[in-house]
Amino acid sequence: MYLMTRDHGIALNADLAGPSALAQYLASRSPLAFRILARRNRRFQVLLKQALDLARDGRVDEATDQLESMKRSFRKMPDLYGHLGWIYLSTGHPMRAAANYRQLLKLQPENAEARDLLDRAMVAAGETVS
């Protein structure tokens, strides 16, 4: 999605600013806000890729540590919770997976895949699915 800023008439790729409605709004209003948000989103993508590469290389503990530490800075990034939930579910930690899927659903209540994965994690943990 490309936005034209109201004051400057500059076309900006709003997807670079991040997924939140606030990020999209700010990016549409100010080129400076857009650059700051785009830089933050790029940093998130780099850290996420590093963590997923660690997981793929079998260094799951390091990957989960990195993803958990990312929660402090990127607590509103749904991809973070989805990937962390999947790693926990895949490595036999369904309660941790469920906690991350619940957080993801707070950010994206309409996410059917996250709902299904939450149900799967709850079943794996021996909880009743509602």
C-alpha atoms as a PDB file:
ATOM      1  CA  MET A   1       0.000   0.000   0.000  1.00  0.00           C
ATOM      2  CA  TYR A   2       1.346   3.407  -0.919  1.00  0.00           C
ATOM      3  CA  LEU A   3       0.305   6.591   0.843  1.00  0.00           C
ATOM      4  CA  MET A   4       0.569  10.212  -0.147  1.00  0.00           C
ATOM      5  CA  THR A   5       1.419  12.394   2.778  1.00  0.00           C
ATOM      6  CA  ARG A   6      -0.991  15.247   3.130  1.00  0.00           C
ATOM      7  CA  ASP A   7       1.586  17.961   3.608  1.00  0.00           C
ATOM      8  CA  HIS A   8       4.399  16.829   1.390  1.00  0.00           C
ATOM      9  CA  GLY A   9       2.837  14.915  -1.494  1.00  0.00           C
ATOM     10  CA  ILE A  10       5.420  12.150  -1.102  1.00  0.00           C
ATOM     11  CA  ALA A  11       4.464   8.583  -1.961  1.00  0.00           C
ATOM     12  CA  LEU A  12       5.613   6.215   0.786  1.00  0.00           C
ATOM     13  CA  ASN A  13       5.295   2.452   1.062  1.00  0.00           C
ATOM     14  CA  ALA A  14       3.171   2.253   4.225  1.00  0.00           C
ATOM     15  CA  ASP A  15       3.806  -1.465   4.655  1.00  0.00           C
ATOM     16  CA  LEU A  16       7.363  -0.620   5.712  1.00  0.00           C
ATOM     17  CA  ALA A  17       6.023   1.234   8.750  1.00  0.00           C
ATOM     18  CA  GLY A  18       4.585  -1.894  10.362  1.00  0.00           C
ATOM     19  CA  PRO A  19       1.234  -3.622  10.708  1.00  0.00           C
ATOM     20  CA  SER A  20      -0.472  -1.568  13.421  1.00  0.00           C
ATOM     21  CA  ALA A  21      -3.199   0.923  12.609  1.00  0.00           C
ATOM     22  CA  LEU A  22      -1.299   3.595  14.543  1.00  0.00           C
ATOM     23  CA  ALA A  23       1.863   2.988  12.502  1.00  0.00           C
ATOM     24  CA  GLN A  24      -0.123   3.241   9.290  1.00  0.00           C
ATOM     25  CA  TYR A  25      -1.805   6.464  10.450  1.00  0.00           C
ATOM     26  CA  LEU A  26       1.452   8.101  11.549  1.00  0.00           C
ATOM     27  CA  ALA A  27       3.201   7.047   8.359  1.00  0.00           C
ATOM     28  CA  SER A  28       0.452   8.678   6.340  1.00  0.00           C
ATOM     29  CA  ARG A  29       0.858  11.981   8.213  1.00  0.00           C
ATOM     30  CA  SER A  30       4.585  12.521   8.458  1.00  0.00           C
ATOM     31  CA  PRO A  31       7.618  11.482   6.412  1.00  0.00           C
ATOM     32  CA  LEU A  32       9.738  11.626   9.568  1.00  0.00           C
ATOM     33  CA  ALA A  33       7.349   9.311  11.428  1.00  0.00           C
ATOM     34  CA  PHE A  34       7.372   7.038   8.396  1.00  0.00           C
ATOM     35  CA  ARG A  35      11.176   6.811   8.381  1.00  0.00           C
ATOM     36  CA  ILE A  36      11.318   6.079  12.113  1.00  0.00           C
ATOM     37  CA  LEU A  37       8.626   3.401  11.886  1.00  0.00           C
ATOM     38  CA  ALA A  38      10.163   1.862   8.757  1.00  0.00           C
ATOM     39  CA  ARG A  39      13.568   1.653  10.462  1.00  0.00           C
ATOM     40  CA  ARG A  40      11.977   0.001  13.505  1.00  0.00           C
ATOM     41  CA  ASN A  41      10.088  -2.467  11.327  1.00  0.00           C
ATOM     42  CA  ARG A  42      13.260  -3.352   9.388  1.00  0.00           C
ATOM     43  CA  ARG A  43      15.054  -3.966  12.705  1.00  0.00           C
ATOM     44  CA  PHE A  44      12.224  -6.258  13.770  1.00  0.00           C
ATOM     45  CA  GLN A  45      12.446  -8.204  10.504  1.00  0.00           C
ATOM     46  CA  VAL A  46      16.231  -8.644  10.869  1.00  0.00           C
ATOM     47  CA  LEU A  47      15.959  -9.886  14.460  1.00  0.00           C
ATOM     48  CA  LEU A  48      13.058 -12.178  13.575  1.00  0.00           C
ATOM     49  CA  LYS A  49      15.011 -13.706  10.683  1.00  0.00           C
ATOM     50  CA  GLN A  50      18.024 -14.257  12.939  1.00  0.00           C
ATOM     51  CA  ALA A  51      15.869 -16.041  15.518  1.00  0.00           C
ATOM     52  CA  LEU A  52      14.153 -18.211  12.925  1.00  0.00           C
ATOM     53  CA  ASP A  53      17.515 -19.110  11.393  1.00  0.00           C
ATOM     54  CA  LEU A  54      18.698 -20.199  14.850  1.00  0.00           C
ATOM     55  CA  ALA A  55      15.610 -22.386  15.225  1.00  0.00           C
ATOM     56  CA  ARG A  56      16.139 -23.934  11.779  1.00  0.00           C
ATOM     57  CA  ASP A  57      19.747 -24.691  12.721  1.00  0.00           C
ATOM     58  CA  GLY A  58      18.532 -26.599  15.780  1.00  0.00           C
ATOM     59  CA  ARG A  59      19.502 -23.876  18.244  1.00  0.00           C
ATOM     60  CA  VAL A  60      15.977 -23.653  19.599  1.00  0.00           C
ATOM     61  CA  ASP A  61      16.876 -22.374  23.065  1.00  0.00           C
ATOM     62  CA  GLU A  62      18.813 -19.472  21.576  1.00  0.00           C
ATOM     63  CA  ALA A  63      15.961 -18.760  19.165  1.00  0.00           C
ATOM     64  CA  THR A  64      13.319 -18.693  21.887  1.00  0.00           C
ATOM     65  CA  ASP A  65      15.562 -16.540  24.109  1.00  0.00           C
ATOM     66  CA  GLN A  66      15.950 -14.018  21.291  1.00  0.00           C
ATOM     67  CA  LEU A  67      12.233 -14.005  20.483  1.00  0.00           C
ATOM     68  CA  GLU A  68      11.316 -13.654  24.167  1.00  0.00           C
ATOM     69  CA  SER A  69      13.699 -10.709  24.524  1.00  0.00           C
ATOM     70  CA  MET A  70      12.135  -9.100  21.449  1.00  0.00           C
ATOM     71  CA  LYS A  71       8.799  -8.921  23.295  1.00  0.00           C
ATOM     72  CA  ARG A  72      10.083  -5.947  25.290  1.00  0.00           C
ATOM     73  CA  SER A  73      10.666  -3.816  22.201  1.00  0.00           C
ATOM     74  CA  PHE A  74       8.129  -5.259  19.764  1.00  0.00           C
ATOM     75  CA  ARG A  75       5.193  -6.261  21.952  1.00  0.00           C
ATOM     76  CA  LYS A  76       2.605  -5.307  19.325  1.00  0.00           C
ATOM     77  CA  MET A  77       4.067  -7.326  16.439  1.00  0.00           C
ATOM     78  CA  PRO A  78       1.763 -10.299  15.805  1.00  0.00           C
ATOM     79  CA  ASP A  79       4.392 -12.271  13.853  1.00  0.00           C
ATOM     80  CA  LEU A  80       6.543 -12.441  16.964  1.00  0.00           C
ATOM     81  CA  TYR A  81       3.866 -14.267  18.950  1.00  0.00           C
ATOM     82  CA  GLY A  82       2.925 -16.529  16.061  1.00  0.00           C
ATOM     83  CA  HIS A  83       6.471 -17.726  15.463  1.00  0.00           C
ATOM     84  CA  LEU A  84       7.215 -18.089  19.155  1.00  0.00           C
ATOM     85  CA  GLY A  85       3.995 -20.038  19.665  1.00  0.00           C
ATOM     86  CA  TRP A  86       4.831 -22.354  16.782  1.00  0.00           C
ATOM     87  CA  ILE A  87       8.353 -23.033  18.090  1.00  0.00           C
ATOM     88  CA  TYR A  88       7.022 -23.775  21.563  1.00  0.00           C
ATOM     89  CA  LEU A  89       4.268 -26.017  20.203  1.00  0.00           C
ATOM     90  CA  SER A  90       6.724 -27.863  17.942  1.00  0.00           C
ATOM     91  CA  THR A  91       9.173 -28.460  20.779  1.00  0.00           C
ATOM     92  CA  GLY A  92       6.711 -29.816  23.315  1.00  0.00           C
ATOM     93  CA  HIS A  93       5.858 -26.686  25.330  1.00  0.00           C
ATOM     94  CA  PRO A  94       2.126 -26.324  24.684  1.00  0.00           C
ATOM     95  CA  MET A  95       1.421 -24.054  27.667  1.00  0.00           C
ATOM     96  CA  ARG A  96       3.999 -21.527  26.469  1.00  0.00           C
ATOM     97  CA  ALA A  97       2.636 -21.862  22.941  1.00  0.00           C
ATOM     98  CA  ALA A  98      -0.898 -21.205  24.187  1.00  0.00           C
ATOM     99  CA  ALA A  99       0.211 -18.068  26.049  1.00  0.00           C
ATOM    100  CA  ASN A 100       1.760 -16.682  22.858  1.00  0.00           C
ATOM    101  CA  TYR A 101      -1.255 -17.555  20.720  1.00  0.00           C
ATOM    102  CA  ARG A 102      -3.512 -15.808  23.246  1.00  0.00           C
ATOM    103  CA  GLN A 103      -1.356 -12.681  22.957  1.00  0.00           C
ATOM    104  CA  LEU A 104      -1.503 -12.929  19.173  1.00  0.00           C
ATOM    105  CA  LEU A 105      -5.294 -13.143  19.326  1.00  0.00           C
ATOM    106  CA  LYS A 106      -5.404  -9.998  21.472  1.00  0.00           C
ATOM    107  CA  LEU A 107      -3.643  -8.201  18.624  1.00  0.00           C
ATOM    108  CA  GLN A 108      -5.561  -9.943  15.822  1.00  0.00           C
ATOM    109  CA  PRO A 109      -8.862 -11.305  17.165  1.00  0.00           C
ATOM    110  CA  GLU A 110      -9.992 -12.312  13.673  1.00  0.00           C
ATOM    111  CA  ASN A 111      -6.950 -14.556  13.059  1.00  0.00           C
ATOM    112  CA  ALA A 112      -8.524 -17.995  12.480  1.00  0.00           C
ATOM    113  CA  GLU A 113      -5.157 -19.731  12.124  1.00  0.00           C
ATOM    114  CA  ALA A 114      -4.055 -18.460  15.546  1.00  0.00           C
ATOM    115  CA  ARG A 115      -7.358 -19.633  17.031  1.00  0.00           C
ATOM    116  CA  ASP A 116      -6.807 -23.123  15.560  1.00  0.00           C
ATOM    117  CA  LEU A 117      -3.231 -23.242  16.833  1.00  0.00           C
ATOM    118  CA  LEU A 118      -4.363 -22.094  20.286  1.00  0.00           C
ATOM    119  CA  ASP A 119      -6.902 -24.930  20.340  1.00  0.00           C
ATOM    120  CA  ARG A 120      -4.184 -27.358  19.265  1.00  0.00           C
ATOM    121  CA  ALA A 121      -1.847 -26.126  22.015  1.00  0.00           C
ATOM    122  CA  MET A 122      -4.589 -26.411  24.623  1.00  0.00           C
ATOM    123  CA  VAL A 123      -5.375 -29.976  23.571  1.00  0.00           C
ATOM    124  CA  ALA A 124      -1.662 -30.831  23.721  1.00  0.00           C
ATOM    125  CA  ALA A 125      -1.518 -29.339  27.214  1.00  0.00           C
ATOM    126  CA  GLY A 126      -4.549 -31.346  28.302  1.00  0.00           C
ATOM    127  CA  GLU A 127      -6.814 -28.327  28.673  1.00  0.00           C
ATOM    128  CA  THR A 128     -10.431 -28.159  27.569  1.00  0.00           C
ATOM    129  CA  VAL A 129     -11.015 -26.264  24.343  1.00  0.00           C
ATOM    130  CA  SER A 130     -14.022 -23.935  24.503  1.00  0.00           C
END
